[in-house]
N, C-alpha and C. Protein backbone atom coordinates (compact mmCIF):
# COMPACT_ATOMS: atom_id res chain seq x y z
N MET A 1 -7.66 15.15 23.93
CA MET A 1 -7.87 14.43 23.11
C MET A 1 -7.37 13.16 23.47
N ALA A 2 -8.36 11.90 23.21
CA ALA A 2 -7.87 10.64 23.60
C ALA A 2 -7.18 10.11 22.35
N LEU A 3 -6.30 9.14 22.77
CA LEU A 3 -6.01 8.21 21.62
C LEU A 3 -5.98 6.98 22.01
N PHE A 4 -6.42 6.17 20.87
CA PHE A 4 -6.30 4.61 21.08
C PHE A 4 -5.31 3.94 20.81
N ILE A 5 -4.43 3.08 21.48
CA ILE A 5 -3.20 2.97 21.09
C ILE A 5 -3.16 1.37 21.66
N ALA A 6 -2.72 0.48 20.68
CA ALA A 6 -2.38 -1.07 21.27
C ALA A 6 -0.78 -1.25 21.20
N ARG A 7 -0.48 -1.63 22.46
CA ARG A 7 0.91 -1.87 22.70
C ARG A 7 1.08 -3.22 22.76
N TYR A 8 2.03 -4.00 22.21
CA TYR A 8 2.61 -5.20 22.19
C TYR A 8 3.93 -5.31 22.86
N ASP A 9 3.91 -6.44 23.69
CA ASP A 9 5.13 -6.90 24.15
C ASP A 9 5.36 -8.21 24.12
N LEU A 10 4.27 -9.09 23.72
CA LEU A 10 4.28 -10.56 23.15
C LEU A 10 4.77 -11.42 24.34
N ARG A 11 4.68 -11.21 25.64
CA ARG A 11 4.99 -12.07 26.64
C ARG A 11 4.21 -12.99 26.62
N ALA A 12 4.76 -14.27 27.18
CA ALA A 12 3.59 -15.38 27.25
C ALA A 12 4.42 -16.55 28.20
N PRO A 13 3.43 -17.19 28.97
CA PRO A 13 4.02 -17.84 29.90
C PRO A 13 4.67 -19.18 29.29
N ALA A 14 5.50 -20.02 29.96
CA ALA A 14 6.23 -21.04 29.31
C ALA A 14 4.82 -22.11 29.03
N GLY A 15 5.22 -22.53 27.65
CA GLY A 15 4.14 -23.44 27.19
C GLY A 15 3.25 -22.86 26.14
N THR A 16 3.12 -21.63 26.00
CA THR A 16 2.41 -20.85 25.18
C THR A 16 2.94 -21.06 23.70
N ASP A 17 2.00 -21.38 22.85
CA ASP A 17 2.34 -21.54 21.36
C ASP A 17 2.70 -19.95 20.81
N ARG A 18 3.99 -19.73 20.59
CA ARG A 18 4.38 -18.49 20.05
C ARG A 18 4.07 -18.21 18.95
N GLY A 19 3.96 -19.32 17.78
CA GLY A 19 3.57 -18.73 16.69
C GLY A 19 2.01 -18.47 16.52
N GLU A 20 1.28 -18.95 17.82
CA GLU A 20 -0.01 -18.51 17.34
C GLU A 20 -0.22 -17.26 18.22
N LEU A 21 0.59 -16.96 19.29
CA LEU A 21 0.56 -15.68 19.78
C LEU A 21 0.87 -14.64 18.71
N TYR A 22 2.06 -14.52 17.89
CA TYR A 22 2.49 -13.77 17.04
C TYR A 22 1.06 -13.50 15.87
N ARG A 23 0.54 -14.87 15.47
CA ARG A 23 -0.44 -14.56 14.31
C ARG A 23 -1.60 -14.02 15.02
N THR A 24 -1.96 -13.77 16.26
CA THR A 24 -3.09 -13.25 16.96
C THR A 24 -2.61 -11.79 16.95
N ALA A 25 -1.47 -11.70 17.20
CA ALA A 25 -0.95 -10.14 17.23
C ALA A 25 -1.06 -9.42 15.99
N LEU A 26 -0.86 -10.00 15.12
CA LEU A 26 -0.98 -9.51 13.36
C LEU A 26 -2.28 -9.32 12.96
N ASP A 27 -3.15 -10.44 13.51
CA ASP A 27 -4.65 -10.36 13.49
C ASP A 27 -5.21 -8.95 14.13
N GLN A 28 -4.89 -9.00 15.26
CA GLN A 28 -5.03 -7.49 16.14
C GLN A 28 -4.75 -6.41 15.28
N ALA A 29 -3.61 -6.39 15.04
CA ALA A 29 -3.19 -5.05 14.40
C ALA A 29 -3.96 -4.68 13.23
N ALA A 30 -4.60 -5.55 12.36
CA ALA A 30 -5.38 -5.20 11.14
C ALA A 30 -6.85 -4.92 11.87
N TRP A 31 -7.36 -5.60 13.05
CA TRP A 31 -8.49 -5.41 13.51
C TRP A 31 -8.56 -3.78 14.18
N CYS A 32 -7.34 -3.45 14.69
CA CYS A 32 -7.00 -2.31 15.31
C CYS A 32 -7.14 -0.91 14.31
N GLU A 33 -6.41 -1.21 12.98
CA GLU A 33 -6.54 -0.34 12.08
C GLU A 33 -8.04 -0.22 11.55
N ALA A 34 -8.76 -1.30 11.39
CA ALA A 34 -10.20 -1.26 10.91
C ALA A 34 -11.15 -0.44 11.75
N HIS A 35 -10.78 -0.75 12.92
CA HIS A 35 -11.50 0.12 13.98
C HIS A 35 -11.15 1.40 14.52
N GLY A 36 -10.22 2.17 13.93
CA GLY A 36 -9.86 3.52 13.98
C GLY A 36 -8.93 3.71 15.18
N PHE A 37 -7.97 2.81 15.53
CA PHE A 37 -7.27 3.14 16.41
C PHE A 37 -6.12 4.00 16.05
N ASP A 38 -5.61 4.49 16.90
CA ASP A 38 -4.62 5.67 16.17
C ASP A 38 -3.05 5.20 16.22
N MET A 39 -2.67 4.20 16.73
CA MET A 39 -1.31 3.80 16.70
C MET A 39 -0.98 2.43 16.90
N LEU A 40 0.06 1.75 16.72
CA LEU A 40 0.52 0.36 17.20
C LEU A 40 1.90 0.48 17.93
N VAL A 41 2.10 0.21 19.00
CA VAL A 41 3.37 0.49 19.71
C VAL A 41 3.93 -0.96 20.15
N LEU A 42 5.41 -1.09 19.76
CA LEU A 42 6.13 -2.17 20.24
C LEU A 42 7.49 -1.71 21.01
N SER A 43 7.97 -2.56 21.68
CA SER A 43 9.22 -2.04 22.46
C SER A 43 10.29 -3.53 22.57
N GLU A 44 11.35 -3.52 22.51
CA GLU A 44 12.33 -4.45 22.51
C GLU A 44 12.84 -4.66 24.00
N HIS A 45 12.99 -6.10 24.40
CA HIS A 45 13.74 -6.29 25.33
C HIS A 45 14.20 -7.69 25.60
N HIS A 46 15.30 -7.97 25.98
CA HIS A 46 16.09 -8.96 26.16
C HIS A 46 16.44 -9.51 27.48
N GLY A 47 16.60 -10.93 27.76
CA GLY A 47 17.01 -11.54 29.05
C GLY A 47 15.95 -12.14 29.79
N VAL A 48 14.69 -12.49 29.52
CA VAL A 48 13.78 -13.06 30.21
C VAL A 48 13.13 -14.21 29.66
N ASP A 49 12.62 -15.14 30.17
CA ASP A 49 12.36 -16.39 29.89
C ASP A 49 10.65 -16.13 29.25
N ASP A 50 9.88 -14.97 29.42
CA ASP A 50 8.89 -15.18 28.86
C ASP A 50 8.63 -14.61 27.50
N GLY A 51 9.69 -14.38 26.84
CA GLY A 51 9.52 -14.06 25.54
C GLY A 51 9.26 -12.58 25.02
N TYR A 52 9.33 -12.03 26.22
CA TYR A 52 9.20 -10.21 25.73
C TYR A 52 9.98 -9.85 24.66
N LEU A 53 9.35 -9.18 23.48
CA LEU A 53 9.52 -9.07 22.31
C LEU A 53 11.08 -8.84 21.94
N PRO A 54 11.93 -9.76 21.53
CA PRO A 54 13.36 -9.50 21.10
C PRO A 54 13.48 -8.62 19.81
N SER A 55 12.65 -8.71 18.76
CA SER A 55 12.92 -8.49 17.67
C SER A 55 11.43 -7.48 17.20
N PRO A 56 11.66 -6.27 17.65
CA PRO A 56 10.34 -5.26 17.06
C PRO A 56 10.54 -4.76 16.01
N ILE A 57 11.50 -4.74 15.49
CA ILE A 57 11.49 -4.14 14.03
C ILE A 57 10.96 -5.51 12.80
N THR A 58 11.12 -6.63 13.25
CA THR A 58 10.40 -7.74 12.56
C THR A 58 9.04 -7.62 12.84
N VAL A 59 8.58 -7.60 13.77
CA VAL A 59 7.38 -7.70 13.80
C VAL A 59 6.68 -6.43 13.60
N ALA A 60 7.19 -5.10 13.38
CA ALA A 60 6.38 -4.10 13.02
C ALA A 60 6.43 -4.14 11.37
N ALA A 61 7.30 -4.84 10.81
CA ALA A 61 7.23 -4.86 9.48
C ALA A 61 6.05 -5.95 9.15
N ALA A 62 6.12 -7.29 9.96
CA ALA A 62 4.73 -7.78 9.82
C ALA A 62 3.50 -7.11 9.90
N MET A 63 3.38 -6.24 10.86
CA MET A 63 2.18 -5.63 11.01
C MET A 63 2.12 -4.64 10.10
N ALA A 64 2.98 -3.97 9.21
CA ALA A 64 2.86 -3.11 8.34
C ALA A 64 2.28 -3.85 6.90
N ALA A 65 3.08 -5.13 7.00
CA ALA A 65 2.44 -5.71 5.76
C ALA A 65 0.70 -6.09 5.80
N ARG A 66 0.28 -6.10 7.37
CA ARG A 66 -1.29 -6.43 7.47
C ARG A 66 -1.77 -5.18 7.48
N THR A 67 -1.37 -4.23 7.57
CA THR A 67 -2.02 -2.82 7.53
C THR A 67 -1.68 -1.91 6.31
N SER A 68 -2.47 -0.82 6.41
CA SER A 68 -2.14 -0.05 5.13
C SER A 68 -1.84 1.55 5.78
N ALA A 69 -2.20 1.98 6.97
CA ALA A 69 -2.20 3.42 7.12
C ALA A 69 -2.15 3.84 8.48
N ILE A 70 -2.10 2.72 9.68
CA ILE A 70 -1.87 2.98 10.96
C ILE A 70 -0.26 3.26 11.41
N PRO A 71 -0.28 4.34 12.25
CA PRO A 71 1.41 4.26 12.58
C PRO A 71 1.83 3.18 13.37
N ILE A 72 3.03 2.64 13.50
CA ILE A 72 3.55 1.92 14.14
C ILE A 72 4.76 2.42 14.67
N MET A 73 4.90 2.31 15.85
CA MET A 73 6.05 3.28 16.64
C MET A 73 6.70 1.78 17.67
N ILE A 74 8.24 2.00 17.49
CA ILE A 74 8.70 1.46 18.14
C ILE A 74 9.32 2.09 19.64
N SER A 75 8.88 2.06 20.68
CA SER A 75 9.33 2.65 21.50
C SER A 75 10.33 2.45 22.61
N ALA A 76 10.87 1.37 22.17
CA ALA A 76 12.29 1.32 22.75
C ALA A 76 13.19 0.27 22.00
N LEU A 77 14.31 0.70 21.76
CA LEU A 77 15.01 -0.20 20.74
C LEU A 77 16.33 0.10 21.06
N LEU A 78 16.94 -1.11 21.62
CA LEU A 78 18.29 -1.44 22.21
C LEU A 78 19.43 -1.13 20.97
N VAL A 79 19.72 0.21 20.59
CA VAL A 79 20.71 0.66 19.52
C VAL A 79 22.03 -0.11 19.50
N PRO A 80 22.70 -0.56 20.77
CA PRO A 80 23.81 -1.05 20.40
C PRO A 80 23.69 -2.60 19.91
N LEU A 81 22.64 -3.15 19.93
CA LEU A 81 22.30 -4.57 19.54
C LEU A 81 22.00 -4.53 18.07
N HIS A 82 22.18 -3.56 17.60
CA HIS A 82 21.74 -3.27 15.81
C HIS A 82 22.89 -2.81 15.14
N ASP A 83 22.93 -3.35 13.98
CA ASP A 83 23.85 -2.59 12.99
C ASP A 83 23.51 -1.30 12.70
N PRO A 84 24.24 -0.28 12.83
CA PRO A 84 23.76 1.18 12.85
C PRO A 84 23.78 1.69 11.10
N ILE A 85 23.98 0.92 10.33
CA ILE A 85 23.57 1.00 8.88
C ILE A 85 22.32 0.83 8.48
N ARG A 86 22.08 -0.47 9.19
CA ARG A 86 20.59 -0.81 9.08
C ARG A 86 19.63 -0.16 9.73
N LEU A 87 19.89 0.40 10.78
CA LEU A 87 18.83 1.35 11.41
C LEU A 87 18.45 2.54 10.83
């Protein structure tokens, strides 16, 4: 069984318009749902200059607001950096 999954890390070279990058990712999430993708995947990372996604929960919430049924999975979350009650 094949799965169609879109994975987002939102890395970008210096000088990239990050607002446009995130807007495009949200547009793509809606497109993926409309075209039968099975899942959207995000992961958390810190300590790099290319903007590797530091807040996957926030991006997952934004993607959920733009979609209605496609599952959104956070494949890596650095639990010690989050409030355990909020998680």
